[in-house]
């Protein structure tokens, strides 16, 4: 699962570079494209958030797996806990990526555009 998150994070980083280069090659300047939040798609879709979620999930899941070793849980319960955290991170990543690629702010939870 961590390798999948790493590949997704790297892929999103590649998209950030590709979109950023294509947007800065025209008359736009670096400051208009790379605002305080990074590359923006549409009106408010920020690509740095899903990129960061995918890459930081790798560290959080590793620490969580290590911390479960200090509990009295069985091996199966520890694995289930880490798998649930990985599923939660995956759901968060999918939702945030969907928001970014649709050009909406991450907390814009409306179903209509």
N, C-alpha and C. Protein backbone atom coordinates (compact mmCIF):
# COMPACT_ATOMS: atom_id res chain seq x y z
N UNK A 1 0.82 -1.19 0.00
CA UNK A 1 0.00 0.00 0.00
C UNK A 1 0.87 1.26 0.00
N UNK A 2 1.98 1.21 0.75
CA UNK A 2 2.83 2.40 0.80
C UNK A 2 3.48 2.68 -0.55
N UNK A 3 3.81 1.63 -1.27
CA UNK A 3 4.39 1.83 -2.59
C UNK A 3 3.37 2.46 -3.54
N UNK A 4 2.12 2.04 -3.43
CA UNK A 4 1.06 2.63 -4.27
C UNK A 4 0.91 4.11 -3.94
N UNK A 5 0.90 4.46 -2.65
CA UNK A 5 0.80 5.87 -2.27
C UNK A 5 2.00 6.67 -2.75
N UNK A 6 3.18 6.07 -2.71
CA UNK A 6 4.38 6.75 -3.21
C UNK A 6 4.27 7.03 -4.70
N UNK A 7 3.83 6.05 -5.47
CA UNK A 7 3.70 6.22 -6.92
C UNK A 7 2.63 7.28 -7.23
N UNK A 8 1.52 7.26 -6.49
CA UNK A 8 0.48 8.28 -6.70
C UNK A 8 1.02 9.66 -6.37
N UNK A 9 1.74 9.78 -5.26
CA UNK A 9 2.33 11.07 -4.88
C UNK A 9 3.31 11.58 -5.92
N UNK A 10 4.13 10.68 -6.44
CA UNK A 10 5.08 11.08 -7.48
C UNK A 10 4.36 11.46 -8.77
N UNK A 11 3.31 10.74 -9.09
CA UNK A 11 2.53 11.07 -10.28
C UNK A 11 1.89 12.45 -10.16
N UNK A 12 1.34 12.75 -8.98
CA UNK A 12 0.75 14.07 -8.77
C UNK A 12 1.82 15.16 -8.82
N UNK A 13 3.02 14.85 -8.33
CA UNK A 13 4.13 15.81 -8.45
C UNK A 13 4.47 16.08 -9.90
N UNK A 14 4.44 15.04 -10.72
CA UNK A 14 4.67 15.22 -12.16
C UNK A 14 3.60 16.07 -12.81
N UNK A 15 2.35 15.89 -12.38
CA UNK A 15 1.26 16.72 -12.91
C UNK A 15 1.46 18.18 -12.50
N UNK A 16 1.89 18.40 -11.26
CA UNK A 16 2.16 19.77 -10.80
C UNK A 16 3.22 20.42 -11.68
N UNK A 17 4.28 19.70 -11.98
CA UNK A 17 5.34 20.24 -12.82
C UNK A 17 4.83 20.49 -14.23
N UNK A 18 4.10 19.54 -14.80
CA UNK A 18 3.60 19.68 -16.17
C UNK A 18 2.65 20.86 -16.30
N UNK A 19 1.69 20.95 -15.39
CA UNK A 19 0.72 22.06 -15.45
C UNK A 19 1.42 23.38 -15.19
N UNK A 20 2.35 23.40 -14.24
CA UNK A 20 3.07 24.63 -13.93
C UNK A 20 3.90 25.12 -15.09
N UNK A 21 4.59 24.21 -15.77
CA UNK A 21 5.42 24.61 -16.91
C UNK A 21 4.55 25.12 -18.05
N UNK A 22 3.44 24.44 -18.32
CA UNK A 22 2.58 24.88 -19.43
C UNK A 22 1.93 26.22 -19.12
N UNK A 23 1.65 26.49 -17.84
CA UNK A 23 1.03 27.77 -17.49
C UNK A 23 2.04 28.91 -17.46
N UNK A 24 3.29 28.61 -17.16
CA UNK A 24 4.29 29.69 -17.09
C UNK A 24 4.97 29.94 -18.42
N UNK A 25 4.73 29.10 -19.42
CA UNK A 25 5.40 29.30 -20.69
C UNK A 25 4.76 30.42 -21.51
N UNK A 26 3.54 30.81 -21.16
CA UNK A 26 2.86 31.87 -21.87
C UNK A 26 3.15 33.22 -21.24
N UNK A 27 2.22 34.16 -21.41
CA UNK A 27 2.44 35.51 -20.87
C UNK A 27 2.32 35.58 -19.35
N UNK A 28 1.80 34.53 -18.72
CA UNK A 28 1.65 34.56 -17.26
C UNK A 28 3.03 34.53 -16.59
N UNK A 29 3.11 35.15 -15.46
CA UNK A 29 4.36 35.12 -14.71
C UNK A 29 4.29 34.03 -13.65
N UNK A 30 5.42 33.76 -13.06
CA UNK A 30 5.48 32.71 -12.03
C UNK A 30 4.55 33.03 -10.85
N UNK A 31 4.43 34.28 -10.47
CA UNK A 31 3.61 34.66 -9.32
C UNK A 31 2.12 34.50 -9.60
N UNK A 32 1.70 34.65 -10.84
CA UNK A 32 0.27 34.51 -11.12
C UNK A 32 -0.15 33.05 -11.18
N UNK A 33 0.75 32.16 -11.55
CA UNK A 33 0.42 30.74 -11.63
C UNK A 33 0.68 30.04 -10.31
N UNK A 34 1.88 30.23 -9.79
CA UNK A 34 2.24 29.60 -8.52
C UNK A 34 1.94 30.58 -7.40
N UNK A 35 0.69 30.63 -7.02
CA UNK A 35 0.29 31.52 -5.93
C UNK A 35 0.83 30.99 -4.61
N UNK A 36 0.28 31.47 -3.51
CA UNK A 36 0.77 31.01 -2.21
C UNK A 36 0.50 29.53 -1.97
N UNK A 37 -0.41 28.94 -2.75
CA UNK A 37 -0.76 27.54 -2.55
C UNK A 37 -0.21 26.63 -3.63
N UNK A 38 0.45 27.14 -4.61
CA UNK A 38 1.00 26.30 -5.66
C UNK A 38 0.19 26.35 -6.94
N UNK A 39 0.32 25.32 -7.76
CA UNK A 39 -0.37 25.27 -9.04
C UNK A 39 -1.87 25.17 -8.81
N UNK A 40 -2.62 26.00 -9.52
CA UNK A 40 -4.07 26.03 -9.35
C UNK A 40 -4.73 25.59 -10.65
N UNK A 41 -5.68 24.66 -10.53
CA UNK A 41 -6.48 24.23 -11.67
C UNK A 41 -7.86 24.84 -11.54
N UNK A 42 -8.40 25.35 -12.62
CA UNK A 42 -9.72 25.96 -12.55
C UNK A 42 -9.69 27.20 -11.68
N UNK A 43 -10.71 27.35 -10.85
CA UNK A 43 -10.76 28.54 -9.99
C UNK A 43 -10.04 28.35 -8.67
N UNK A 44 -10.03 27.13 -8.14
CA UNK A 44 -9.43 26.95 -6.82
C UNK A 44 -8.83 25.57 -6.58
N UNK A 45 -8.67 24.76 -7.59
CA UNK A 45 -8.14 23.40 -7.39
C UNK A 45 -6.64 23.41 -7.18
N UNK A 46 -6.21 23.12 -5.97
CA UNK A 46 -4.79 23.15 -5.62
C UNK A 46 -4.24 21.73 -5.64
N UNK A 47 -3.18 21.50 -6.41
CA UNK A 47 -2.62 20.16 -6.57
C UNK A 47 -1.65 19.77 -5.46
N UNK A 48 -1.16 20.74 -4.70
CA UNK A 48 -0.20 20.40 -3.65
C UNK A 48 -0.84 19.58 -2.53
N UNK A 49 -2.13 19.76 -2.29
CA UNK A 49 -2.78 19.05 -1.19
C UNK A 49 -2.84 17.54 -1.42
N UNK A 50 -3.37 17.06 -2.56
CA UNK A 50 -3.36 15.60 -2.74
C UNK A 50 -1.95 15.03 -2.85
N UNK A 51 -1.03 15.79 -3.41
CA UNK A 51 0.37 15.36 -3.49
C UNK A 51 0.93 15.16 -2.07
N UNK A 52 0.68 16.11 -1.20
CA UNK A 52 1.16 16.01 0.18
C UNK A 52 0.48 14.90 0.96
N UNK A 53 -0.82 14.72 0.73
CA UNK A 53 -1.54 13.65 1.43
C UNK A 53 -0.94 12.30 1.08
N UNK A 54 -0.68 12.07 -0.19
CA UNK A 54 -0.14 10.77 -0.62
C UNK A 54 1.25 10.53 -0.05
N UNK A 55 2.10 11.54 -0.07
CA UNK A 55 3.47 11.34 0.41
C UNK A 55 3.56 11.26 1.93
N UNK A 56 2.76 12.04 2.63
CA UNK A 56 2.82 12.00 4.09
C UNK A 56 2.13 10.77 4.66
N UNK A 57 1.22 10.18 3.91
CA UNK A 57 0.57 8.95 4.36
C UNK A 57 1.59 7.84 4.56
N UNK A 58 2.61 7.84 3.76
CA UNK A 58 3.66 6.82 3.89
C UNK A 58 4.30 6.88 5.27
N UNK A 59 4.59 8.09 5.73
CA UNK A 59 5.24 8.26 7.04
C UNK A 59 4.26 7.97 8.17
N UNK A 60 3.05 8.46 8.05
CA UNK A 60 2.06 8.26 9.11
C UNK A 60 1.74 6.78 9.28
N UNK A 61 1.58 6.07 8.18
CA UNK A 61 1.26 4.64 8.28
C UNK A 61 2.42 3.85 8.88
N UNK A 62 3.62 4.23 8.56
CA UNK A 62 4.79 3.55 9.15
C UNK A 62 4.85 3.77 10.66
N UNK A 63 4.65 5.01 11.09
CA UNK A 63 4.67 5.31 12.52
C UNK A 63 3.51 4.63 13.23
N UNK A 64 2.34 4.63 12.60
CA UNK A 64 1.18 3.95 13.20
C UNK A 64 1.44 2.46 13.36
N UNK A 65 2.02 1.83 12.35
CA UNK A 65 2.34 0.40 12.44
C UNK A 65 3.35 0.15 13.56
N UNK A 66 4.32 1.04 13.71
CA UNK A 66 5.31 0.89 14.77
C UNK A 66 4.66 1.07 16.14
N UNK A 67 3.76 2.06 16.27
CA UNK A 67 3.12 2.30 17.56
C UNK A 67 2.21 1.15 17.98
N UNK A 68 1.62 0.46 17.03
CA UNK A 68 0.75 -0.66 17.40
C UNK A 68 1.54 -1.82 17.99
N UNK A 69 2.84 -1.85 17.79
CA UNK A 69 3.66 -2.90 18.40
C UNK A 69 3.69 -2.78 19.92
N UNK A 70 3.42 -1.60 20.44
CA UNK A 70 3.45 -1.37 21.88
C UNK A 70 2.09 -1.60 22.54
N UNK A 71 1.13 -2.08 21.79
CA UNK A 71 -0.19 -2.40 22.36
C UNK A 71 -0.27 -3.89 22.63
N UNK A 72 -1.32 -4.27 23.29
CA UNK A 72 -1.53 -5.70 23.56
C UNK A 72 -2.38 -6.35 22.47
N UNK A 73 -2.53 -5.68 21.36
CA UNK A 73 -3.37 -6.20 20.28
C UNK A 73 -2.70 -7.40 19.61
N UNK A 74 -3.55 -8.26 19.06
CA UNK A 74 -3.02 -9.39 18.28
C UNK A 74 -2.49 -8.87 16.94
N UNK A 75 -1.74 -9.73 16.27
CA UNK A 75 -1.18 -9.35 14.95
C UNK A 75 -2.30 -8.99 13.98
N UNK A 76 -3.37 -9.75 14.01
CA UNK A 76 -4.49 -9.50 13.09
C UNK A 76 -5.14 -8.15 13.38
N UNK A 77 -5.32 -7.83 14.65
CA UNK A 77 -5.94 -6.56 15.00
C UNK A 77 -5.04 -5.37 14.63
N UNK A 78 -3.74 -5.52 14.83
CA UNK A 78 -2.81 -4.46 14.43
C UNK A 78 -2.87 -4.24 12.92
N UNK A 79 -2.88 -5.33 12.17
CA UNK A 79 -2.96 -5.23 10.71
C UNK A 79 -4.27 -4.58 10.27
N UNK A 80 -5.36 -4.95 10.94
CA UNK A 80 -6.65 -4.36 10.62
C UNK A 80 -6.66 -2.86 10.90
N UNK A 81 -6.04 -2.45 12.01
CA UNK A 81 -5.98 -1.02 12.34
C UNK A 81 -5.20 -0.22 11.32
N UNK A 82 -4.06 -0.74 10.93
CA UNK A 82 -3.24 -0.04 9.93
C UNK A 82 -3.94 -0.05 8.57
N UNK A 83 -4.60 -1.16 8.24
CA UNK A 83 -5.34 -1.22 6.97
C UNK A 83 -6.50 -0.23 6.96
N UNK A 84 -7.16 -0.06 8.10
CA UNK A 84 -8.24 0.93 8.18
C UNK A 84 -7.70 2.34 8.00
N UNK A 85 -6.54 2.62 8.59
CA UNK A 85 -5.92 3.94 8.42
C UNK A 85 -5.52 4.15 6.96
N UNK A 86 -5.00 3.12 6.31
CA UNK A 86 -4.63 3.22 4.90
C UNK A 86 -5.87 3.45 4.03
N UNK A 87 -6.96 2.78 4.37
CA UNK A 87 -8.20 2.98 3.61
C UNK A 87 -8.72 4.41 3.81
N UNK A 88 -8.61 4.93 5.03
CA UNK A 88 -9.02 6.30 5.29
C UNK A 88 -8.18 7.31 4.52
N UNK A 89 -6.87 7.09 4.49
CA UNK A 89 -5.99 7.96 3.71
C UNK A 89 -6.33 7.87 2.22
N UNK A 90 -6.62 6.68 1.74
CA UNK A 90 -6.96 6.51 0.33
C UNK A 90 -8.25 7.24 -0.02
N UNK A 91 -9.24 7.17 0.87
CA UNK A 91 -10.50 7.88 0.65
C UNK A 91 -10.28 9.38 0.65
N UNK A 92 -9.50 9.86 1.62
CA UNK A 92 -9.18 11.29 1.67
C UNK A 92 -8.45 11.74 0.42
N UNK A 93 -7.51 10.92 -0.04
CA UNK A 93 -6.75 11.24 -1.25
C UNK A 93 -7.67 11.31 -2.47
N UNK A 94 -8.57 10.35 -2.60
CA UNK A 94 -9.49 10.34 -3.75
C UNK A 94 -10.40 11.56 -3.73
N UNK A 95 -10.94 11.90 -2.56
CA UNK A 95 -11.82 13.07 -2.46
C UNK A 95 -11.06 14.36 -2.78
N UNK A 96 -9.88 14.51 -2.21
CA UNK A 96 -9.11 15.74 -2.43
C UNK A 96 -8.62 15.85 -3.86
N UNK A 97 -8.23 14.73 -4.44
CA UNK A 97 -7.80 14.74 -5.84
C UNK A 97 -8.97 15.09 -6.75
N UNK A 98 -10.14 14.55 -6.45
CA UNK A 98 -11.33 14.88 -7.24
C UNK A 98 -11.66 16.36 -7.17
N UNK A 99 -11.55 16.93 -5.97
CA UNK A 99 -11.80 18.36 -5.81
C UNK A 99 -10.77 19.18 -6.60
N UNK A 100 -9.51 18.80 -6.53
CA UNK A 100 -8.46 19.57 -7.21
C UNK A 100 -8.63 19.52 -8.72
N UNK A 101 -8.88 18.33 -9.26
CA UNK A 101 -8.99 18.21 -10.71
C UNK A 101 -10.30 18.77 -11.26
N UNK A 102 -11.29 18.96 -10.39
CA UNK A 102 -12.52 19.61 -10.85
C UNK A 102 -12.43 21.12 -10.69
N UNK A 103 -11.30 21.61 -10.16
CA UNK A 103 -11.08 23.05 -10.06
C UNK A 103 -11.74 23.68 -8.85
N UNK A 104 -12.07 22.87 -7.84
CA UNK A 104 -12.75 23.40 -6.66
C UNK A 104 -11.83 23.36 -5.45
N UNK A 105 -12.12 24.24 -4.50
CA UNK A 105 -11.39 24.29 -3.24
C UNK A 105 -11.63 22.98 -2.49
N UNK A 106 -10.66 22.54 -1.71
CA UNK A 106 -10.74 21.24 -1.04
C UNK A 106 -11.94 21.13 -0.10
N UNK A 107 -12.36 22.22 0.51
CA UNK A 107 -13.48 22.17 1.44
C UNK A 107 -14.81 22.57 0.80
N UNK A 108 -14.83 22.74 -0.50
CA UNK A 108 -16.08 23.01 -1.22
C UNK A 108 -16.78 21.68 -1.43
N UNK A 109 -17.69 21.34 -0.54
CA UNK A 109 -18.31 20.02 -0.55
C UNK A 109 -19.62 19.97 -1.31
N UNK A 110 -19.95 21.01 -2.06
CA UNK A 110 -21.18 20.98 -2.84
C UNK A 110 -21.05 19.99 -3.99
N UNK A 111 -22.14 19.37 -4.34
CA UNK A 111 -22.12 18.39 -5.41
C UNK A 111 -22.28 19.04 -6.78
N UNK A 112 -22.75 20.27 -6.79
CA UNK A 112 -22.92 20.99 -8.06
C UNK A 112 -21.74 21.92 -8.28
N UNK A 113 -21.47 22.18 -9.54
CA UNK A 113 -20.39 23.12 -9.88
C UNK A 113 -20.85 24.53 -9.80
